[in-house]
């Protein structure tokens, strides 16, 4: 309990001593202290979020600032992604969540070049393979291609390559189902 009291009296705010935080009675004081320390190390101690990030889909705002469209053609999209601090992990490379967000965003846009606006797209499956990290300030070329598009589904492949070396960093496949489903 001494650690918890010390955290409450320290000048650095933490999520654990916020009045909105509910802490389970099943956790020991040591566990709470370790979690609080981990959150501080990770930089998660700000109790207020800027208005632009306190909304649904706010992570997209972070990735959108790092994306630049290069080409859009029917069934193909190519973009540049700059690896900047807002989308990096603690190891200094592109965060896996940012890879997922960019993949969904680009794959959806690519599928929309084939599928009409009268059909709603539903992301049914997403697979991502992390092959190597993209380091800080790297330029990454993101290419999306429609592999198959039929009446009821569209499959898009997305690959991430380092611009300098053409080294493949991440690959993914996204399967979109069309709504409403076409009747046979």
N, C-alpha and C. Protein backbone atom coordinates (compact mmCIF):
# COMPACT_ATOMS: atom_id res chain seq x y z
N UNK A 1 0.82 -1.20 0.00
CA UNK A 1 0.00 0.00 0.00
C UNK A 1 0.86 1.26 0.00
N UNK A 2 2.08 1.16 0.50
CA UNK A 2 2.96 2.33 0.55
C UNK A 2 3.26 2.83 -0.86
N UNK A 3 3.43 1.90 -1.81
CA UNK A 3 3.70 2.29 -3.20
C UNK A 3 2.51 3.05 -3.78
N UNK A 4 1.30 2.57 -3.49
CA UNK A 4 0.10 3.22 -4.02
C UNK A 4 -0.03 4.63 -3.44
N UNK A 5 0.24 4.77 -2.15
CA UNK A 5 0.15 6.08 -1.52
C UNK A 5 1.20 7.01 -2.10
N UNK A 6 2.41 6.48 -2.37
CA UNK A 6 3.47 7.29 -2.93
C UNK A 6 3.06 7.80 -4.32
N UNK A 7 2.43 6.91 -5.12
CA UNK A 7 2.01 7.31 -6.46
C UNK A 7 0.94 8.40 -6.39
N UNK A 8 0.05 8.30 -5.40
CA UNK A 8 -1.01 9.29 -5.28
C UNK A 8 -0.44 10.65 -4.88
N UNK A 9 0.66 10.66 -4.13
CA UNK A 9 1.25 11.90 -3.66
C UNK A 9 2.30 12.46 -4.62
N UNK A 10 2.71 11.68 -5.63
CA UNK A 10 3.75 12.15 -6.54
C UNK A 10 3.19 13.23 -7.45
N UNK A 11 4.09 14.04 -8.02
CA UNK A 11 3.65 15.14 -8.87
C UNK A 11 3.23 14.68 -10.26
N UNK A 12 3.65 13.48 -10.67
CA UNK A 12 3.27 12.97 -11.99
C UNK A 12 1.91 12.31 -11.91
N UNK A 13 0.94 12.78 -12.70
CA UNK A 13 -0.38 12.14 -12.68
C UNK A 13 -0.31 10.76 -13.30
N UNK A 14 -1.15 9.85 -12.84
CA UNK A 14 -1.21 8.51 -13.41
C UNK A 14 -2.66 8.14 -13.62
N UNK A 15 -2.86 7.16 -14.49
CA UNK A 15 -4.22 6.69 -14.73
C UNK A 15 -4.78 5.97 -13.51
N UNK A 16 -3.90 5.37 -12.72
CA UNK A 16 -4.38 4.58 -11.59
C UNK A 16 -4.87 5.44 -10.43
N UNK A 17 -4.38 6.68 -10.31
CA UNK A 17 -4.89 7.49 -9.21
C UNK A 17 -5.91 8.53 -9.69
N UNK A 18 -6.43 8.31 -10.89
CA UNK A 18 -7.52 9.14 -11.39
C UNK A 18 -8.80 8.75 -10.65
N UNK A 19 -9.68 9.72 -10.42
CA UNK A 19 -10.93 9.39 -9.71
C UNK A 19 -11.86 8.55 -10.57
N UNK A 20 -11.60 8.47 -11.89
CA UNK A 20 -12.44 7.66 -12.77
C UNK A 20 -11.98 6.21 -12.88
N UNK A 21 -10.81 5.90 -12.36
CA UNK A 21 -10.26 4.55 -12.48
C UNK A 21 -10.81 3.65 -11.38
N UNK A 22 -11.29 2.48 -11.77
CA UNK A 22 -11.79 1.49 -10.81
C UNK A 22 -10.76 0.37 -10.75
N UNK A 23 -10.24 0.10 -9.57
CA UNK A 23 -9.23 -0.95 -9.38
C UNK A 23 -9.87 -2.13 -8.66
N UNK A 24 -9.69 -3.30 -9.24
CA UNK A 24 -10.26 -4.52 -8.66
C UNK A 24 -9.67 -4.79 -7.28
N UNK A 25 -10.51 -5.24 -6.37
CA UNK A 25 -10.06 -5.59 -5.02
C UNK A 25 -9.23 -6.88 -5.03
N UNK A 26 -9.29 -7.64 -6.13
CA UNK A 26 -8.53 -8.89 -6.24
C UNK A 26 -7.05 -8.66 -6.51
N UNK A 27 -6.66 -7.44 -6.90
CA UNK A 27 -5.26 -7.15 -7.21
C UNK A 27 -4.50 -6.77 -5.95
N UNK A 28 -3.28 -7.25 -5.86
CA UNK A 28 -2.43 -6.90 -4.72
C UNK A 28 -1.84 -5.50 -4.93
N UNK A 29 -1.40 -4.90 -3.85
CA UNK A 29 -0.78 -3.57 -3.93
C UNK A 29 0.48 -3.62 -4.79
N UNK A 30 1.20 -4.74 -4.73
CA UNK A 30 2.41 -4.89 -5.53
C UNK A 30 2.07 -4.92 -7.03
N UNK A 31 1.01 -5.63 -7.40
CA UNK A 31 0.59 -5.69 -8.80
C UNK A 31 0.17 -4.31 -9.30
N UNK A 32 -0.54 -3.59 -8.47
CA UNK A 32 -0.99 -2.25 -8.85
C UNK A 32 0.21 -1.33 -9.03
N UNK A 33 1.17 -1.42 -8.13
CA UNK A 33 2.37 -0.60 -8.22
C UNK A 33 3.16 -0.91 -9.49
N UNK A 34 3.29 -2.20 -9.81
CA UNK A 34 4.01 -2.60 -11.03
C UNK A 34 3.30 -2.09 -12.28
N UNK A 35 1.98 -2.20 -12.30
CA UNK A 35 1.22 -1.71 -13.44
C UNK A 35 1.38 -0.20 -13.58
N UNK A 36 1.31 0.51 -12.47
CA UNK A 36 1.47 1.95 -12.49
C UNK A 36 2.85 2.33 -13.02
N UNK A 37 3.89 1.61 -12.57
CA UNK A 37 5.24 1.86 -13.06
C UNK A 37 5.36 1.61 -14.55
N UNK A 38 4.74 0.51 -15.01
CA UNK A 38 4.77 0.19 -16.44
C UNK A 38 4.10 1.29 -17.26
N UNK A 39 2.94 1.75 -16.79
CA UNK A 39 2.23 2.81 -17.52
C UNK A 39 3.05 4.09 -17.57
N UNK A 40 3.76 4.41 -16.48
CA UNK A 40 4.61 5.61 -16.47
C UNK A 40 5.76 5.47 -17.46
N UNK A 41 6.39 4.28 -17.48
CA UNK A 41 7.50 4.04 -18.41
C UNK A 41 7.03 4.18 -19.85
N UNK A 42 5.83 3.70 -20.13
CA UNK A 42 5.29 3.75 -21.49
C UNK A 42 4.77 5.15 -21.84
N UNK A 43 4.77 6.05 -20.89
CA UNK A 43 4.30 7.40 -21.15
C UNK A 43 2.80 7.56 -21.07
N UNK A 44 2.12 6.58 -20.48
CA UNK A 44 0.67 6.64 -20.35
C UNK A 44 0.33 7.21 -18.98
N UNK A 45 0.41 8.51 -18.86
CA UNK A 45 0.08 9.13 -17.59
C UNK A 45 -0.77 10.38 -17.78
N UNK A 46 -1.04 10.74 -19.01
CA UNK A 46 -1.86 11.91 -19.27
C UNK A 46 -3.33 11.56 -19.06
N UNK A 47 -3.99 12.30 -18.21
CA UNK A 47 -5.37 11.99 -17.87
C UNK A 47 -6.38 12.65 -18.81
N UNK A 48 -5.94 13.59 -19.62
CA UNK A 48 -6.84 14.25 -20.55
C UNK A 48 -6.33 14.04 -21.97
N UNK A 49 -7.25 13.89 -22.90
CA UNK A 49 -6.89 13.70 -24.30
C UNK A 49 -7.31 14.93 -25.09
N UNK A 50 -6.51 15.34 -26.07
CA UNK A 50 -6.95 16.44 -26.93
C UNK A 50 -8.27 16.07 -27.61
N UNK A 51 -9.08 17.06 -27.89
CA UNK A 51 -10.42 16.81 -28.44
C UNK A 51 -10.40 15.98 -29.71
N UNK A 52 -9.40 16.20 -30.59
CA UNK A 52 -9.38 15.45 -31.85
C UNK A 52 -9.13 13.96 -31.65
N UNK A 53 -8.59 13.55 -30.49
CA UNK A 53 -8.33 12.14 -30.24
C UNK A 53 -9.35 11.51 -29.31
N UNK A 54 -10.28 12.30 -28.79
CA UNK A 54 -11.30 11.78 -27.88
C UNK A 54 -12.59 11.50 -28.66
N UNK A 55 -12.44 10.80 -29.78
CA UNK A 55 -13.57 10.48 -30.64
C UNK A 55 -13.46 9.06 -31.14
N UNK A 56 -14.55 8.57 -31.70
CA UNK A 56 -14.54 7.25 -32.32
C UNK A 56 -13.58 7.30 -33.51
N UNK A 57 -12.79 6.25 -33.69
CA UNK A 57 -11.86 6.14 -34.81
C UNK A 57 -10.75 7.18 -34.74
N UNK A 58 -10.33 7.57 -33.54
CA UNK A 58 -9.31 8.60 -33.41
C UNK A 58 -7.94 8.12 -33.86
N UNK A 59 -7.70 6.79 -33.82
CA UNK A 59 -6.39 6.29 -34.25
C UNK A 59 -6.16 6.58 -35.72
N UNK A 60 -7.22 6.63 -36.50
CA UNK A 60 -7.10 6.93 -37.92
C UNK A 60 -6.51 8.32 -38.14
N UNK A 61 -6.81 9.24 -37.24
CA UNK A 61 -6.26 10.59 -37.33
C UNK A 61 -4.74 10.54 -37.23
N UNK A 62 -4.22 9.64 -36.42
CA UNK A 62 -2.77 9.50 -36.27
C UNK A 62 -2.13 8.93 -37.52
N UNK A 63 -2.73 7.91 -38.11
CA UNK A 63 -2.12 7.28 -39.28
C UNK A 63 -2.33 8.11 -40.54
N UNK A 64 -3.44 8.82 -40.60
CA UNK A 64 -3.73 9.62 -41.80
C UNK A 64 -2.68 10.69 -42.03
N UNK A 65 -2.11 11.24 -40.96
CA UNK A 65 -1.11 12.29 -41.12
C UNK A 65 0.19 11.76 -41.72
N UNK A 66 0.39 10.46 -41.69
CA UNK A 66 1.62 9.86 -42.18
C UNK A 66 1.45 9.20 -43.55
N UNK A 67 0.25 9.18 -44.09
CA UNK A 67 -0.05 8.53 -45.38
C UNK A 67 -0.15 9.56 -46.50
N UNK A 68 0.41 9.21 -47.65
CA UNK A 68 0.31 10.06 -48.83
C UNK A 68 0.02 9.17 -50.03
N UNK A 69 -1.08 9.43 -50.72
CA UNK A 69 -1.48 8.62 -51.87
C UNK A 69 -0.56 8.92 -53.04
N UNK A 70 -0.08 7.85 -53.68
CA UNK A 70 0.77 8.00 -54.86
C UNK A 70 -0.04 7.78 -56.14
N UNK A 71 -0.74 6.63 -56.25
CA UNK A 71 -1.54 6.31 -57.43
C UNK A 71 -2.83 5.62 -57.01
N UNK A 72 -3.88 5.90 -57.76
CA UNK A 72 -5.14 5.17 -57.61
C UNK A 72 -5.58 4.74 -59.00
N UNK A 73 -5.73 3.45 -59.20
CA UNK A 73 -6.22 2.87 -60.45
C UNK A 73 -7.29 1.86 -60.08
N UNK A 74 -8.06 1.42 -61.06
CA UNK A 74 -9.09 0.42 -60.80
C UNK A 74 -8.42 -0.86 -60.28
N UNK A 75 -8.72 -1.23 -59.03
CA UNK A 75 -8.19 -2.45 -58.43
C UNK A 75 -6.79 -2.32 -57.85
N UNK A 76 -6.21 -1.12 -57.86
CA UNK A 76 -4.86 -0.92 -57.32
C UNK A 76 -4.73 0.46 -56.68
N UNK A 77 -4.06 0.49 -55.55
CA UNK A 77 -3.73 1.75 -54.88
C UNK A 77 -2.30 1.65 -54.37
N UNK A 78 -1.56 2.74 -54.51
CA UNK A 78 -0.19 2.80 -54.00
C UNK A 78 -0.05 4.07 -53.15
N UNK A 79 0.54 3.92 -51.97
CA UNK A 79 0.71 5.04 -51.04
C UNK A 79 2.11 5.03 -50.45
N UNK A 80 2.52 6.18 -49.92
CA UNK A 80 3.73 6.29 -49.12
C UNK A 80 3.31 6.44 -47.67
N UNK A 81 4.00 5.73 -46.79
CA UNK A 81 3.76 5.83 -45.35
C UNK A 81 5.06 6.25 -44.70
N UNK A 82 5.05 7.37 -43.99
CA UNK A 82 6.23 7.85 -43.27
C UNK A 82 6.15 7.35 -41.83
N UNK A 83 7.19 6.68 -41.37
CA UNK A 83 7.22 6.15 -40.01
C UNK A 83 7.64 7.28 -39.07
N UNK A 84 6.66 7.87 -38.41
CA UNK A 84 6.87 9.00 -37.50
C UNK A 84 6.49 8.58 -36.07
N UNK A 85 6.92 9.32 -35.05
CA UNK A 85 6.65 8.95 -33.65
C UNK A 85 5.20 8.62 -33.30
N UNK A 86 4.18 9.29 -33.84
CA UNK A 86 2.81 8.93 -33.44
C UNK A 86 2.42 7.49 -33.77
N UNK A 87 3.08 6.86 -34.74
CA UNK A 87 2.70 5.50 -35.14
C UNK A 87 3.84 4.51 -34.90
N UNK A 88 4.74 4.84 -33.99
CA UNK A 88 5.86 3.95 -33.67
C UNK A 88 5.61 3.24 -32.34
N UNK A 89 6.28 2.09 -32.18
CA UNK A 89 6.23 1.38 -30.91
C UNK A 89 7.45 1.77 -30.07
N UNK A 90 7.58 1.19 -28.89
CA UNK A 90 8.68 1.57 -28.00
C UNK A 90 10.03 1.08 -28.50
N UNK A 91 10.04 0.21 -29.50
CA UNK A 91 11.29 -0.30 -30.06
C UNK A 91 11.78 0.54 -31.23
N UNK A 92 11.08 1.60 -31.56
CA UNK A 92 11.51 2.51 -32.61
C UNK A 92 11.14 2.08 -34.02
N UNK A 93 10.15 1.22 -34.14
CA UNK A 93 9.70 0.81 -35.48
C UNK A 93 8.19 1.00 -35.58
N UNK A 94 7.66 0.75 -36.76
CA UNK A 94 6.24 0.93 -37.01
C UNK A 94 5.41 0.02 -36.10
N UNK A 95 4.44 0.60 -35.41
CA UNK A 95 3.59 -0.13 -34.47
C UNK A 95 2.66 -1.08 -35.23
N UNK A 96 2.45 -2.27 -34.70
CA UNK A 96 1.58 -3.25 -35.33
C UNK A 96 0.16 -2.77 -35.50
N UNK A 97 -0.34 -1.99 -34.56
CA UNK A 97 -1.68 -1.43 -34.69
C UNK A 97 -1.78 -0.45 -35.85
N UNK A 98 -0.70 0.30 -36.08
CA UNK A 98 -0.68 1.22 -37.22
C UNK A 98 -0.68 0.45 -38.53
N UNK A 99 0.05 -0.68 -38.56
CA UNK A 99 0.05 -1.53 -39.76
C UNK A 99 -1.37 -2.01 -40.03
N UNK A 100 -2.06 -2.47 -38.99
CA UNK A 100 -3.43 -2.93 -39.14
C UNK A 100 -4.37 -1.83 -39.60
N UNK A 101 -4.24 -0.65 -39.01
CA UNK A 101 -5.11 0.47 -39.38
C UNK A 101 -4.88 0.89 -40.83
N UNK A 102 -3.62 1.01 -41.23
CA UNK A 102 -3.31 1.38 -42.61
C UNK A 102 -3.81 0.31 -43.57
N UNK A 103 -3.63 -0.96 -43.20
CA UNK A 103 -4.09 -2.06 -44.05
C UNK A 103 -5.59 -1.98 -44.28
N UNK A 104 -6.36 -1.80 -43.23
CA UNK A 104 -7.82 -1.73 -43.36
C UNK A 104 -8.22 -0.52 -44.20
N UNK A 105 -7.61 0.62 -43.93
CA UNK A 105 -7.94 1.85 -44.65
C UNK A 105 -7.64 1.71 -46.15
N UNK A 106 -6.44 1.22 -46.49
CA UNK A 106 -6.03 1.11 -47.90
C UNK A 106 -6.79 -0.02 -48.60
N UNK A 107 -6.98 -1.15 -47.91
CA UNK A 107 -7.71 -2.27 -48.52
C UNK A 107 -9.16 -1.88 -48.81
N UNK A 108 -9.78 -1.15 -47.91
CA UNK A 108 -11.15 -0.71 -48.12
C UNK A 108 -11.23 0.24 -49.32
N UNK A 109 -10.29 1.17 -49.39
CA UNK A 109 -10.27 2.10 -50.53
C UNK A 109 -10.04 1.36 -51.84
N UNK A 110 -9.16 0.36 -51.81
CA UNK A 110 -8.87 -0.43 -53.01
C UNK A 110 -10.10 -1.22 -53.44
N UNK A 111 -10.78 -1.84 -52.49
CA UNK A 111 -12.00 -2.60 -52.81
C UNK A 111 -13.07 -1.67 -53.39
N UNK A 112 -13.13 -0.45 -52.89
CA UNK A 112 -14.11 0.52 -53.38
C UNK A 112 -13.87 0.93 -54.83
N UNK A 113 -12.65 0.73 -55.35
CA UNK A 113 -12.40 1.05 -56.76
C UNK A 113 -13.08 0.04 -57.68
N UNK A 114 -13.47 -1.12 -57.14
CA UNK A 114 -14.14 -2.18 -57.91
C UNK A 114 -15.62 -2.27 -57.55
N UNK A 115 -15.92 -2.29 -56.25
CA UNK A 115 -17.28 -2.50 -55.76
C UNK A 115 -18.02 -1.16 -55.75
N UNK A 116 -19.23 -1.15 -56.30
CA UNK A 116 -20.03 0.07 -56.36
C UNK A 116 -20.48 0.55 -55.00
N UNK A 117 -20.85 1.82 -54.93
CA UNK A 117 -21.30 2.41 -53.67
C UNK A 117 -22.64 1.87 -53.20
N UNK A 118 -23.36 1.18 -54.09
CA UNK A 118 -24.64 0.61 -53.70
C UNK A 118 -24.47 -0.60 -52.79
N UNK A 119 -23.28 -1.16 -52.74
CA UNK A 119 -22.99 -2.31 -51.87
C UNK A 119 -22.20 -1.83 -50.64
N UNK A 120 -22.62 -2.30 -49.48
CA UNK A 120 -21.88 -2.02 -48.25
C UNK A 120 -20.82 -3.10 -48.11
N UNK A 121 -19.61 -2.71 -47.69
CA UNK A 121 -18.53 -3.67 -47.48
C UNK A 121 -18.41 -4.00 -46.00
N UNK A 122 -18.25 -5.28 -45.71
CA UNK A 122 -18.08 -5.76 -44.35
C UNK A 122 -16.75 -6.51 -44.30
N UNK A 123 -15.82 -6.06 -43.46
CA UNK A 123 -14.52 -6.73 -43.34
C UNK A 123 -14.72 -8.03 -42.57
N UNK A 124 -14.60 -9.15 -43.27
CA UNK A 124 -14.84 -10.45 -42.66
C UNK A 124 -13.59 -11.12 -42.15
N UNK A 125 -12.46 -10.86 -42.80
CA UNK A 125 -11.21 -11.51 -42.40
C UNK A 125 -10.04 -10.59 -42.73
N UNK A 126 -9.08 -10.54 -41.83
CA UNK A 126 -7.87 -9.76 -42.04
C UNK A 126 -6.70 -10.55 -41.49
N UNK A 127 -5.71 -10.83 -42.33
CA UNK A 127 -4.51 -11.51 -41.85
C UNK A 127 -3.31 -10.64 -42.19
N UNK A 128 -2.42 -10.49 -41.23
CA UNK A 128 -1.22 -9.67 -41.41
C UNK A 128 -0.02 -10.50 -40.98
N UNK A 129 1.01 -10.53 -41.82
CA UNK A 129 2.27 -11.18 -41.48
C UNK A 129 3.32 -10.10 -41.29
N UNK A 130 3.93 -10.10 -40.12
CA UNK A 130 4.97 -9.14 -39.79
C UNK A 130 6.31 -9.78 -40.09
N UNK A 131 6.98 -9.34 -41.16
CA UNK A 131 8.23 -9.97 -41.60
C UNK A 131 9.46 -9.25 -41.05
N UNK A 132 9.46 -7.93 -41.08
CA UNK A 132 10.56 -7.15 -40.50
C UNK A 132 10.02 -5.76 -40.18
N UNK A 133 10.66 -5.10 -39.25
CA UNK A 133 10.19 -3.79 -38.81
C UNK A 133 10.59 -2.68 -39.77
N UNK A 134 9.80 -1.62 -39.79
CA UNK A 134 10.12 -0.42 -40.55
C UNK A 134 10.63 0.62 -39.54
N UNK A 135 11.90 1.02 -39.63
CA UNK A 135 12.49 1.90 -38.62
C UNK A 135 11.99 3.34 -38.70
N UNK A 136 12.31 4.10 -37.67
CA UNK A 136 11.94 5.51 -37.56
C UNK A 136 12.38 6.29 -38.81
N UNK A 137 11.53 7.17 -39.26
CA UNK A 137 11.75 8.04 -40.42
C UNK A 137 11.87 7.30 -41.75
N UNK A 138 11.57 6.02 -41.77
CA UNK A 138 11.61 5.26 -43.02
C UNK A 138 10.40 5.62 -43.87
N UNK A 139 10.60 5.58 -45.17
CA UNK A 139 9.49 5.72 -46.11
C UNK A 139 9.10 4.31 -46.53
N UNK A 140 7.83 4.00 -46.40
CA UNK A 140 7.32 2.68 -46.73
C UNK A 140 6.34 2.82 -47.89
N UNK A 141 6.51 1.97 -48.91
CA UNK A 141 5.58 1.95 -50.03
C UNK A 141 4.51 0.92 -49.71
N UNK A 142 3.26 1.34 -49.71
CA UNK A 142 2.13 0.45 -49.42
C UNK A 142 1.36 0.25 -50.73
N UNK A 143 1.32 -1.00 -51.20
CA UNK A 143 0.61 -1.34 -52.43
C UNK A 143 -0.56 -2.26 -52.10
N UNK A 144 -1.73 -1.91 -52.59
CA UNK A 144 -2.92 -2.74 -52.41
C UNK A 144 -3.44 -3.14 -53.78
N UNK A 145 -3.80 -4.41 -53.92
CA UNK A 145 -4.30 -4.94 -55.18
C UNK A 145 -5.50 -5.85 -54.92
N UNK A 146 -6.55 -5.68 -55.72
CA UNK A 146 -7.69 -6.58 -55.63
C UNK A 146 -7.29 -7.90 -56.29
N UNK A 147 -7.34 -8.99 -55.52
CA UNK A 147 -6.99 -10.31 -56.04
C UNK A 147 -8.21 -10.95 -56.70
N UNK A 148 -9.35 -10.81 -56.05
CA UNK A 148 -10.58 -11.41 -56.56
C UNK A 148 -11.75 -10.55 -56.13
N UNK A 149 -12.68 -10.36 -57.04
CA UNK A 149 -13.90 -9.65 -56.70
C UNK A 149 -15.06 -10.31 -57.43
N UNK A 150 -16.04 -10.74 -56.67
CA UNK A 150 -17.22 -11.39 -57.23
C UNK A 150 -18.48 -10.70 -56.76
N UNK A 151 -19.60 -11.43 -56.84
CA UNK A 151 -20.88 -10.86 -56.44
C UNK A 151 -20.97 -10.65 -54.94
N UNK A 152 -20.32 -11.55 -54.17
CA UNK A 152 -20.52 -11.53 -52.72
C UNK A 152 -19.28 -11.19 -51.91
N UNK A 153 -18.10 -11.24 -52.51
CA UNK A 153 -16.91 -10.90 -51.74
C UNK A 153 -15.81 -10.34 -52.62
N UNK A 154 -14.90 -9.62 -51.96
CA UNK A 154 -13.72 -9.05 -52.61
C UNK A 154 -12.53 -9.33 -51.71
N UNK A 155 -11.43 -9.80 -52.31
CA UNK A 155 -10.20 -10.08 -51.57
C UNK A 155 -9.12 -9.11 -52.05
N UNK A 156 -8.47 -8.46 -51.08
CA UNK A 156 -7.43 -7.47 -51.38
C UNK A 156 -6.13 -7.89 -50.71
N UNK A 157 -5.02 -7.83 -51.45
CA UNK A 157 -3.68 -8.09 -50.89
C UNK A 157 -2.99 -6.74 -50.70
N UNK A 158 -2.35 -6.56 -49.56
CA UNK A 158 -1.63 -5.33 -49.26
C UNK A 158 -0.21 -5.70 -48.85
N UNK A 159 0.79 -5.03 -49.45
CA UNK A 159 2.16 -5.27 -49.02
C UNK A 159 2.84 -3.95 -48.68
N UNK A 160 3.71 -4.01 -47.70
CA UNK A 160 4.47 -2.86 -47.21
C UNK A 160 5.94 -3.13 -47.51
N UNK A 161 6.58 -2.26 -48.30
CA UNK A 161 7.99 -2.41 -48.64
C UNK A 161 8.74 -1.12 -48.28
N UNK A 162 9.96 -1.29 -47.75
CA UNK A 162 10.79 -0.13 -47.49
C UNK A 162 11.15 0.52 -48.82
N UNK A 163 11.03 1.82 -48.91
CA UNK A 163 11.26 2.53 -50.17
C UNK A 163 12.72 2.40 -50.63
N UNK A 164 13.66 2.52 -49.71
CA UNK A 164 15.08 2.50 -50.07
C UNK A 164 15.55 1.15 -50.59
N UNK A 165 15.18 0.09 -49.91
CA UNK A 165 15.73 -1.24 -50.23
C UNK A 165 14.73 -2.17 -50.92
N UNK A 166 13.47 -1.77 -51.03
CA UNK A 166 12.41 -2.63 -51.57
C UNK A 166 12.19 -3.89 -50.72
N UNK A 167 12.73 -3.90 -49.50
CA UNK A 167 12.59 -5.04 -48.59
C UNK A 167 11.14 -5.14 -48.12
N UNK A 168 10.59 -6.34 -48.22
CA UNK A 168 9.21 -6.58 -47.80
C UNK A 168 9.15 -6.60 -46.27
N UNK A 169 8.31 -5.74 -45.70
CA UNK A 169 8.19 -5.65 -44.24
C UNK A 169 6.94 -6.33 -43.70
N UNK A 170 5.79 -6.09 -44.33
CA UNK A 170 4.52 -6.64 -43.87
C UNK A 170 3.69 -7.02 -45.09
N UNK A 171 2.95 -8.12 -44.99
CA UNK A 171 1.99 -8.49 -46.03
C UNK A 171 0.66 -8.80 -45.37
N UNK A 172 -0.41 -8.55 -46.10
CA UNK A 172 -1.72 -8.83 -45.52
C UNK A 172 -2.74 -9.13 -46.62
N UNK A 173 -3.79 -9.81 -46.20
CA UNK A 173 -4.94 -10.10 -47.05
C UNK A 173 -6.19 -9.69 -46.29
N UNK A 174 -7.08 -9.02 -46.99
CA UNK A 174 -8.35 -8.61 -46.39
C UNK A 174 -9.49 -9.16 -47.25
N UNK A 175 -10.45 -9.79 -46.60
CA UNK A 175 -11.63 -10.30 -47.30
C UNK A 175 -12.84 -9.47 -46.89
N UNK A 176 -13.46 -8.86 -47.89
CA UNK A 176 -14.65 -8.04 -47.67
C UNK A 176 -15.86 -8.76 -48.21
N UNK A 177 -16.92 -8.81 -47.42
CA UNK A 177 -18.19 -9.37 -47.87
C UNK A 177 -19.09 -8.22 -48.29
N UNK A 178 -19.84 -8.43 -49.36
CA UNK A 178 -20.74 -7.41 -49.87
C UNK A 178 -22.10 -7.56 -49.20
N UNK A 179 -22.67 -6.44 -48.79
CA UNK A 179 -23.99 -6.44 -48.19
C UNK A 179 -24.88 -5.51 -49.00
N UNK A 180 -26.06 -5.81 -49.37
CA UNK A 180 -26.71 -7.09 -49.17
C UNK A 180 -26.13 -8.14 -50.11
N UNK A 181 -26.23 -9.39 -49.69
CA UNK A 181 -25.70 -10.51 -50.46
C UNK A 181 -26.53 -10.68 -51.72
N UNK A 182 -25.84 -10.91 -52.84
CA UNK A 182 -26.55 -11.11 -54.11
C UNK A 182 -27.34 -12.41 -54.06
N UNK A 183 -28.55 -12.39 -54.59
CA UNK A 183 -29.36 -13.62 -54.62
C UNK A 183 -29.00 -14.43 -55.86
N UNK A 184 -29.08 -15.74 -55.73
CA UNK A 184 -28.69 -16.62 -56.84
C UNK A 184 -29.83 -16.89 -57.74
